[in-house]
PDB file of N, CA and C in Angstrom:
ATOM      1  N   MET A   1     163.255 -96.657  40.572  1.00  0.00           N
ATOM      2  CA  MET A   1     163.491 -95.291  40.992  1.00  0.00           C
ATOM      3  C   MET A   1     164.551 -94.661  40.111  1.00  0.00           C
ATOM      4  N   THR A   2     164.327 -93.432  39.735  1.00  0.00           N
ATOM      5  CA  THR A   2     165.266 -92.708  38.891  1.00  0.00           C
ATOM      6  C   THR A   2     166.455 -92.239  39.724  1.00  0.00           C
ATOM      7  N   THR A   3     167.658 -92.451  39.216  1.00  0.00           N
ATOM      8  CA  THR A   3     168.856 -92.025  39.944  1.00  0.00           C
ATOM      9  C   THR A   3     169.081 -90.525  39.754  1.00  0.00           C
ATOM     10  N   ASP A   4     169.907 -89.950  40.620  1.00  0.00           N
ATOM     11  CA  ASP A   4     170.240 -88.530  40.498  1.00  0.00           C
ATOM     12  C   ASP A   4     170.896 -88.236  39.150  1.00  0.00           C
ATOM     13  N   THR A   5     171.746 -89.140  38.699  1.00  0.00           N
ATOM     14  CA  THR A   5     172.419 -88.954  37.412  1.00  0.00           C
ATOM     15  C   THR A   5     171.414 -88.926  36.271  1.00  0.00           C
ATOM     16  N   GLU A   6     170.437 -89.841  36.306  1.00  0.00           N
ATOM     17  CA  GLU A   6     169.405 -89.862  35.261  1.00  0.00           C
ATOM     18  C   GLU A   6     168.589 -88.575  35.265  1.00  0.00           C
ATOM     19  N   ILE A   7     168.257 -88.089  36.451  1.00  0.00           N
ATOM     20  CA  ILE A   7     167.498 -86.841  36.544  1.00  0.00           C
ATOM     21  C   ILE A   7     168.304 -85.684  35.975  1.00  0.00           C
ATOM     22  N   LYS A   8     169.594 -85.629  36.305  1.00  0.00           N
ATOM     23  CA  LYS A   8     170.444 -84.551  35.769  1.00  0.00           C
ATOM     24  C   LYS A   8     170.527 -84.622  34.251  1.00  0.00           C
ATOM     25  N   LEU A   9     170.689 -85.828  33.724  1.00  0.00           N
ATOM     26  CA  LEU A   9     170.788 -85.984  32.271  1.00  0.00           C
ATOM     27  C   LEU A   9     169.482 -85.594  31.572  1.00  0.00           C
ATOM     28  N   LYS A  10     168.352 -86.058  32.107  1.00  0.00           N
ATOM     29  CA  LYS A  10     167.060 -85.720  31.514  1.00  0.00           C
ATOM     30  C   LYS A  10     166.773 -84.227  31.630  1.00  0.00           C
ATOM     31  N   GLY A  11     167.113 -83.643  32.783  1.00  0.00           N
ATOM     32  CA  GLY A  11     166.903 -82.210  32.980  1.00  0.00           C
ATOM     33  C   GLY A  11     167.750 -81.391  32.030  1.00  0.00           C
ATOM     34  N   SER A  12     169.008 -81.780  31.872  1.00  0.00           N
ATOM     35  CA  SER A  12     169.901 -81.076  30.956  1.00  0.00           C
ATOM     36  C   SER A  12     169.397 -81.175  29.520  1.00  0.00           C
ATOM     37  N   LYS A  13     168.926 -82.365  29.140  1.00  0.00           N
ATOM     38  CA  LYS A  13     168.399 -82.555  27.789  1.00  0.00           C
ATOM     39  C   LYS A  13     167.143 -81.708  27.574  1.00  0.00           C
ATOM     40  N   ALA A  14     166.269 -81.659  28.596  1.00  0.00           N
ATOM     41  CA  ALA A  14     165.046 -80.859  28.486  1.00  0.00           C
ATOM     42  C   ALA A  14     165.384 -79.376  28.353  1.00  0.00           C
ATOM     43  N   LEU A  15     166.328 -78.909  29.160  1.00  0.00           N
ATOM     44  CA  LEU A  15     166.724 -77.502  29.068  1.00  0.00           C
ATOM     45  C   LEU A  15     167.354 -77.195  27.705  1.00  0.00           C
ATOM     46  N   ALA A  16     168.231 -78.072  27.248  1.00  0.00           N
ATOM     47  CA  ALA A  16     168.889 -77.846  25.961  1.00  0.00           C
ATOM     48  C   ALA A  16     167.870 -77.849  24.824  1.00  0.00           C
ATOM     49  N   THR A  17     166.881 -78.737  24.912  1.00  0.00           N
ATOM     50  CA  THR A  17     165.843 -78.796  23.884  1.00  0.00           C
ATOM     51  C   THR A  17     165.023 -77.516  23.887  1.00  0.00           C
ATOM     52  N   SER A  18     164.723 -77.037  25.071  1.00  0.00           N
ATOM     53  CA  SER A  18     163.866 -75.859  25.204  1.00  0.00           C
ATOM     54  C   SER A  18     164.616 -74.554  24.960  1.00  0.00           C
ATOM     55  N   LEU A  19     165.825 -74.443  25.513  1.00  0.00           N
ATOM     56  CA  LEU A  19     166.549 -73.168  25.500  1.00  0.00           C
ATOM     57  C   LEU A  19     167.792 -73.166  24.614  1.00  0.00           C
ATOM     58  N   GLY A  20     168.199 -74.320  24.140  1.00  0.00           N
ATOM     59  CA  GLY A  20     169.472 -74.417  23.436  1.00  0.00           C
ATOM     60  C   GLY A  20     170.581 -74.583  24.464  1.00  0.00           C
ATOM     61  N   HIS A  21     171.767 -74.982  24.032  1.00  0.00           N
ATOM     62  CA  HIS A  21     172.852 -75.272  24.969  1.00  0.00           C
ATOM     63  C   HIS A  21     173.320 -74.025  25.714  1.00  0.00           C
ATOM     64  N   ILE A  22     173.385 -72.907  25.052  1.00  0.00           N
ATOM     65  CA  ILE A  22     173.813 -71.678  25.721  1.00  0.00           C
ATOM     66  C   ILE A  22     172.745 -71.221  26.703  1.00  0.00           C
ATOM     67  N   GLY A  23     171.482 -71.295  26.298  1.00  0.00           N
ATOM     68  CA  GLY A  23     170.390 -70.898  27.175  1.00  0.00           C
ATOM     69  C   GLY A  23     170.293 -71.767  28.409  1.00  0.00           C
ATOM     70  N   ASP A  24     170.525 -73.077  28.254  1.00  0.00           N
ATOM     71  CA  ASP A  24     170.436 -73.942  29.438  1.00  0.00           C
ATOM     72  C   ASP A  24     171.562 -73.649  30.415  1.00  0.00           C
ATOM     73  N   GLU A  25     172.734 -73.338  29.932  1.00  0.00           N
ATOM     74  CA  GLU A  25     173.840 -72.975  30.820  1.00  0.00           C
ATOM     75  C   GLU A  25     173.558 -71.653  31.522  1.00  0.00           C
ATOM     76  N   ARG A  26     172.978 -70.712  30.800  1.00  0.00           N
ATOM     77  CA  ARG A  26     172.610 -69.436  31.437  1.00  0.00           C
ATOM     78  C   ARG A  26     171.567 -69.658  32.526  1.00  0.00           C
ATOM     79  N   PHE A  27     170.570 -70.499  32.244  1.00  0.00           N
ATOM     80  CA  PHE A  27     169.536 -70.800  33.226  1.00  0.00           C
ATOM     81  C   PHE A  27     170.154 -71.379  34.495  1.00  0.00           C
ATOM     82  N   ILE A  28     171.017 -72.351  34.344  1.00  0.00           N
ATOM     83  CA  ILE A  28     171.650 -72.984  35.504  1.00  0.00           C
ATOM     84  C   ILE A  28     172.482 -71.973  36.277  1.00  0.00           C
ATOM     85  N   SER A  29     173.232 -71.128  35.578  1.00  0.00           N
ATOM     86  CA  SER A  29     174.048 -70.136  36.284  1.00  0.00           C
ATOM     87  C   SER A  29     173.177 -69.111  37.008  1.00  0.00           C
ATOM     88  N   LEU A  30     172.032 -68.762  36.433  1.00  0.00           N
ATOM     89  CA  LEU A  30     171.119 -67.841  37.108  1.00  0.00           C
ATOM     90  C   LEU A  30     170.564 -68.460  38.384  1.00  0.00           C
ATOM     91  N   ILE A  31     170.233 -69.729  38.335  1.00  0.00           N
ATOM     92  CA  ILE A  31     169.703 -70.434  39.497  1.00  0.00           C
ATOM     93  C   ILE A  31     170.758 -70.508  40.596  1.00  0.00           C
ATOM     94  N   GLN A  32     171.989 -70.785  40.227  1.00  0.00           N
ATOM     95  CA  GLN A  32     173.051 -70.939  41.208  1.00  0.00           C
ATOM     96  C   GLN A  32     173.502 -69.600  41.786  1.00  0.00           C
ATOM     97  N   ARG A  33     173.337 -68.540  41.053  1.00  0.00           N
ATOM     98  CA  ARG A  33     173.853 -67.223  41.435  1.00  0.00           C
ATOM     99  C   ARG A  33     173.040 -66.571  42.550  1.00  0.00           C
ATOM    100  N   GLU A  34     171.773 -66.846  42.623  1.00  0.00           N
ATOM    101  CA  GLU A  34     170.922 -66.156  43.579  1.00  0.00           C
ATOM    102  C   GLU A  34     170.219 -67.133  44.509  1.00  0.00           C
ATOM    103  N   LEU A  35     169.767 -66.626  45.641  1.00  0.00           N
ATOM    104  CA  LEU A  35     168.948 -67.449  46.518  1.00  0.00           C
ATOM    105  C   LEU A  35     167.671 -67.765  45.763  1.00  0.00           C
ATOM    106  N   PHE A  36     167.328 -69.016  45.718  1.00  0.00           N
ATOM    107  CA  PHE A  36     166.255 -69.441  44.831  1.00  0.00           C
ATOM    108  C   PHE A  36     165.422 -70.514  45.492  1.00  0.00           C
ATOM    109  N   ASP A  37     164.137 -70.281  45.603  1.00  0.00           N
ATOM    110  CA  ASP A  37     163.209 -71.258  46.149  1.00  0.00           C
ATOM    111  C   ASP A  37     162.451 -71.881  44.974  1.00  0.00           C
ATOM    112  N   CYS A  38     162.921 -73.040  44.531  1.00  0.00           N
ATOM    113  CA  CYS A  38     162.363 -73.694  43.342  1.00  0.00           C
ATOM    114  C   CYS A  38     160.886 -74.024  43.520  1.00  0.00           C
ATOM    115  N   THR A  39     160.505 -74.441  44.717  1.00  0.00           N
ATOM    116  CA  THR A  39     159.106 -74.795  44.961  1.00  0.00           C
ATOM    117  C   THR A  39     158.212 -73.576  44.804  1.00  0.00           C
ATOM    118  N   LYS A  40     158.604 -72.448  45.384  1.00  0.00           N
ATOM    119  CA  LYS A  40     157.818 -71.217  45.267  1.00  0.00           C
ATOM    120  C   LYS A  40     157.787 -70.752  43.810  1.00  0.00           C
ATOM    121  N   TRP A  41     158.933 -70.837  43.144  1.00  0.00           N
ATOM    122  CA  TRP A  41     159.013 -70.409  41.746  1.00  0.00           C
ATOM    123  C   TRP A  41     158.042 -71.210  40.888  1.00  0.00           C
ATOM    124  N   GLN A  42     158.027 -72.530  41.051  1.00  0.00           N
ATOM    125  CA  GLN A  42     157.128 -73.353  40.254  1.00  0.00           C
ATOM    126  C   GLN A  42     155.670 -73.102  40.617  1.00  0.00           C
ATOM    127  N   ARG A  43     155.401 -72.890  41.899  1.00  0.00           N
ATOM    128  CA  ARG A  43     154.033 -72.608  42.329  1.00  0.00           C
ATOM    129  C   ARG A  43     153.533 -71.315  41.686  1.00  0.00           C
ATOM    130  N   ASP A  44     154.391 -70.301  41.664  1.00  0.00           N
ATOM    131  CA  ASP A  44     154.020 -69.007  41.091  1.00  0.00           C
ATOM    132  C   ASP A  44     154.017 -69.023  39.561  1.00  0.00           C
ATOM    133  N   LEU A  45     154.834 -69.880  38.971  1.00  0.00           N
ATOM    134  CA  LEU A  45     155.001 -69.918  37.521  1.00  0.00           C
ATOM    135  C   LEU A  45     153.694 -70.218  36.801  1.00  0.00           C
ATOM    136  N   TRP A  46     152.919 -71.153  37.333  1.00  0.00           N
ATOM    137  CA  TRP A  46     151.677 -71.559  36.680  1.00  0.00           C
ATOM    138  C   TRP A  46     150.457 -71.213  37.530  1.00  0.00           C
ATOM    139  N   ASP A  47     150.583 -70.184  38.333  1.00  0.00           N
ATOM    140  CA  ASP A  47     149.536 -69.809  39.278  1.00  0.00           C
ATOM    141  C   ASP A  47     148.191 -69.545  38.608  1.00  0.00           C
ATOM    142  N   ASP A  48     148.204 -69.002  37.410  1.00  0.00           N
ATOM    143  CA  ASP A  48     146.951 -68.628  36.749  1.00  0.00           C
ATOM    144  C   ASP A  48     146.410 -69.708  35.809  1.00  0.00           C
ATOM    145  N   GLN A  49     146.991 -70.921  35.855  1.00  0.00           N
ATOM    146  CA  GLN A  49     146.561 -71.986  34.958  1.00  0.00           C
ATOM    147  C   GLN A  49     146.121 -73.213  35.759  1.00  0.00           C
ATOM    148  N   SER A  50     145.112 -73.891  35.256  1.00  0.00           N
ATOM    149  CA  SER A  50     144.652 -75.115  35.915  1.00  0.00           C
ATOM    150  C   SER A  50     145.570 -76.281  35.544  1.00  0.00           C
ATOM    151  N   VAL A  51     145.443 -77.354  36.290  1.00  0.00           N
ATOM    152  CA  VAL A  51     146.207 -78.570  36.000  1.00  0.00           C
ATOM    153  C   VAL A  51     145.870 -79.070  34.595  1.00  0.00           C
ATOM    154  N   GLU A  52     144.608 -78.972  34.218  1.00  0.00           N
ATOM    155  CA  GLU A  52     144.188 -79.423  32.896  1.00  0.00           C
ATOM    156  C   GLU A  52     144.858 -78.600  31.792  1.00  0.00           C
ATOM    157  N   GLU A  53     144.950 -77.284  31.989  1.00  0.00           N
ATOM    158  CA  GLU A  53     145.599 -76.428  30.986  1.00  0.00           C
ATOM    159  C   GLU A  53     147.077 -76.762  30.850  1.00  0.00           C
ATOM    160  N   ILE A  54     147.735 -76.943  31.976  1.00  0.00           N
ATOM    161  CA  ILE A  54     149.162 -77.282  31.963  1.00  0.00           C
ATOM    162  C   ILE A  54     149.358 -78.633  31.292  1.00  0.00           C
ATOM    163  N   SER A  55     148.500 -79.590  31.608  1.00  0.00           N
ATOM    164  CA  SER A  55     148.588 -80.923  31.012  1.00  0.00           C
ATOM    165  C   SER A  55     148.396 -80.871  29.499  1.00  0.00           C
ATOM    166  N   ARG A  56     147.389 -80.109  29.041  1.00  0.00           N
ATOM    167  CA  ARG A  56     147.158 -79.979  27.595  1.00  0.00           C
ATOM    168  C   ARG A  56     148.385 -79.396  26.890  1.00  0.00           C
ATOM    169  N   LYS A  57     148.974 -78.374  27.499  1.00  0.00           N
ATOM    170  CA  LYS A  57     150.169 -77.754  26.904  1.00  0.00           C
ATOM    171  C   LYS A  57     151.329 -78.748  26.867  1.00  0.00           C
ATOM    172  N   ALA A  58     151.504 -79.498  27.947  1.00  0.00           N
ATOM    173  CA  ALA A  58     152.585 -80.489  28.000  1.00  0.00           C
ATOM    174  C   ALA A  58     152.398 -81.572  26.944  1.00  0.00           C
ATOM    175  N   MET A  59     151.157 -82.031  26.785  1.00  0.00           N
ATOM    176  CA  MET A  59     150.885 -83.057  25.771  1.00  0.00           C
ATOM    177  C   MET A  59     151.129 -82.517  24.362  1.00  0.00           C
ATOM    178  N   LYS A  60     150.801 -81.246  24.139  1.00  0.00           N
ATOM    179  CA  LYS A  60     151.024 -80.626  22.828  1.00  0.00           C
ATOM    180  C   LYS A  60     152.525 -80.553  22.525  1.00  0.00           C
ATOM    181  N   VAL A  61     153.315 -80.156  23.527  1.00  0.00           N
ATOM    182  CA  VAL A  61     154.769 -80.083  23.337  1.00  0.00           C
ATOM    183  C   VAL A  61     155.332 -81.481  23.089  1.00  0.00           C
ATOM    184  N   ARG A  62     154.870 -82.451  23.869  1.00  0.00           N
ATOM    185  CA  ARG A  62     155.354 -83.822  23.712  1.00  0.00           C
ATOM    186  C   ARG A  62     155.033 -84.361  22.312  1.00  0.00           C
ATOM    187  N   LYS A  63     153.812 -84.098  21.834  1.00  0.00           N
ATOM    188  CA  LYS A  63     153.417 -84.558  20.506  1.00  0.00           C
ATOM    189  C   LYS A  63     154.304 -83.923  19.434  1.00  0.00           C
ATOM    190  N   ALA A  64     154.570 -82.626  19.575  1.00  0.00           N
ATOM    191  CA  ALA A  64     155.425 -81.935  18.606  1.00  0.00           C
ATOM    192  C   ALA A  64     156.839 -82.509  18.625  1.00  0.00           C
ATOM    193  N   LEU A  65     157.359 -82.798  19.814  1.00  0.00           N
ATOM    194  CA  LEU A  65     158.696 -83.380  19.914  1.00  0.00           C
ATOM    195  C   LEU A  65     158.726 -84.783  19.333  1.00  0.00           C
ATOM    196  N   ASP A  66     157.693 -85.568  19.585  1.00  0.00           N
ATOM    197  CA  ASP A  66     157.618 -86.912  19.005  1.00  0.00           C
ATOM    198  C   ASP A  66     157.612 -86.849  17.480  1.00  0.00           C
ATOM    199  N   GLU A  67     156.844 -85.925  16.926  1.00  0.00           N
ATOM    200  CA  GLU A  67     156.781 -85.777  15.472  1.00  0.00           C
ATOM    201  C   GLU A  67     158.119 -85.298  14.917  1.00  0.00           C
ATOM    202  N   GLN A  68     158.742 -84.388  15.629  1.00  0.00           N
ATOM    203  CA  GLN A  68     160.032 -83.838  15.202  1.00  0.00           C
ATOM    204  C   GLN A  68     161.139 -84.900  15.245  1.00  0.00           C
ATOM    205  N   ASN A  69     161.052 -85.805  16.225  1.00  0.00           N
ATOM    206  CA  ASN A  69     162.105 -86.803  16.426  1.00  0.00           C
ATOM    207  C   ASN A  69     161.662 -88.203  16.041  1.00  0.00           C
ATOM    208  N   ASP A  70     160.660 -88.315  15.198  1.00  0.00           N
ATOM    209  CA  ASP A  70     160.152 -89.616  14.741  1.00  0.00           C
ATOM    210  C   ASP A  70     159.820 -90.548  15.893  1.00  0.00           C
ATOM    211  N   GLY A  71     159.301 -89.987  16.993  1.00  0.00           N
ATOM    212  CA  GLY A  71     158.897 -90.808  18.134  1.00  0.00           C
ATOM    213  C   GLY A  71     160.025 -91.302  18.984  1.00  0.00           C
ATOM    214  N   THR A  72     161.258 -90.809  18.778  1.00  0.00           N
ATOM    215  CA  THR A  72     162.397 -91.314  19.543  1.00  0.00           C
ATOM    216  C   THR A  72     162.708 -90.469  20.753  1.00  0.00           C
ATOM    217  N   TYR A  73     161.960 -89.388  20.997  1.00  0.00           N
ATOM    218  CA  TYR A  73     162.199 -88.553  22.171  1.00  0.00           C
ATOM    219  C   TYR A  73     161.745 -89.304  23.410  1.00  0.00           C
ATOM    220  N   PRO A  74     162.593 -89.367  24.455  1.00  0.00           N
ATOM    221  CA  PRO A  74     162.242 -90.161  25.651  1.00  0.00           C
ATOM    222  C   PRO A  74     161.043 -89.616  26.385  1.00  0.00           C
TER     223      PRO A  74
END
């Protein structure tokens, strides 16, 4: 089972990779600043896409990151 610390570290790394360090801090502050229903947000975020489409996009991003980091990206 993944510990809370591991989840925080992986989440922070994912945000920093995607948004940069300043962007990830802004994202976190935006989440903390307002009432936020993460489950509803995620449900609405990909509402118009199938699981297969989301999976294909995720695999494409993962492949690009693996190539960029010589396969060392967790």
